[in-house]
Protein backbone atom coordinates (compact mmCIF):
# COMPACT_ATOMS: atom_id res chain seq x y z
CA MET A 1 -9.36 20.98 -2.36
CA PRO A 2 -9.42 17.20 -1.86
CA ARG A 3 -7.67 15.71 1.14
CA PHE A 4 -4.95 13.26 0.19
CA PRO A 5 -4.10 10.13 2.21
CA THR A 6 -1.38 10.58 4.80
CA SER A 7 -0.44 6.92 5.13
CA LEU A 8 -0.25 3.76 3.07
CA ASP A 9 -3.19 2.36 5.03
CA GLU A 10 -5.36 5.37 4.14
CA SER A 11 -4.27 5.05 0.51
CA LEU A 12 -5.36 1.43 0.42
CA GLU A 13 -8.72 2.32 1.94
CA ASP A 14 -9.18 4.98 -0.74
CA LEU A 15 -8.22 2.49 -3.44
CA GLU A 16 -10.80 -0.01 -2.18
CA ARG A 17 -13.49 2.69 -2.41
CA ASP A 18 -12.47 3.61 -5.97
CA SER A 19 -14.65 1.32 -8.06
CA VAL A 20 -13.11 2.51 -11.35
CA LEU A 21 -9.55 1.61 -10.33
CA MET A 22 -10.59 -1.62 -8.63
CA GLU A 23 -12.47 -2.69 -11.76
CA ALA A 24 -9.56 -1.68 -14.00
CA LEU A 25 -7.15 -3.79 -11.94
CA GLY A 26 -9.54 -6.71 -11.82
CA PRO A 27 -10.30 -8.88 -8.81
CA THR A 28 -7.12 -10.98 -8.86
CA LEU A 29 -4.62 -8.13 -9.19
CA SER A 30 -6.45 -5.76 -6.85
CA THR A 31 -6.73 -8.41 -4.13
CA ALA A 32 -3.06 -9.41 -4.50
CA TYR A 33 -1.92 -5.77 -4.42
CA LEU A 34 -3.93 -5.03 -1.27
CA VAL A 35 -2.65 -8.16 0.49
CA VAL A 36 0.99 -7.38 -0.34
CA LYS A 37 0.74 -3.73 0.70
CA ARG A 38 -1.03 -4.63 3.97
CA SER A 39 1.69 -7.16 4.72
CA GLU A 40 4.27 -4.39 4.14
CA ILE A 41 2.43 -2.17 6.62
CA GLU A 42 2.59 -4.96 9.21
CA TYR A 43 6.25 -5.78 8.50
CA PHE A 44 7.51 -2.19 8.59
CA LYS A 45 5.39 -0.87 11.47
CA ASP A 46 8.15 -1.30 14.07
CA LYS A 47 11.10 -0.49 11.81
CA THR A 48 13.11 2.72 11.90
CA PRO A 49 13.28 4.87 8.77
CA GLN A 50 16.87 3.72 8.29
CA GLU A 51 15.82 0.05 8.40
CA ILE A 52 13.05 0.71 5.89
CA VAL A 53 15.43 2.45 3.48
CA LYS A 54 17.94 -0.38 3.83
CA GLN A 55 15.27 -2.99 3.03
CA HIS A 56 14.13 -1.12 -0.08
CA PHE A 57 17.71 -0.40 -1.17
CA TYR A 58 18.55 -4.09 -1.32
CA LYS A 59 15.18 -5.02 -2.82
CA PHE A 60 15.61 -2.75 -5.82
């Protein structure tokens, strides 16, 4: 059974290694997606779960 990522960071690393998905997204979209998600990791790293939920609640 394959091991699934346990964090967003691991998921992004897996995505970068997936040449099929990276090619399907194209260089511009894949780079932008990775940059945005890594900035989210940095922004939310010191936030409580309640703060994270609140941020996403008002975003969407």
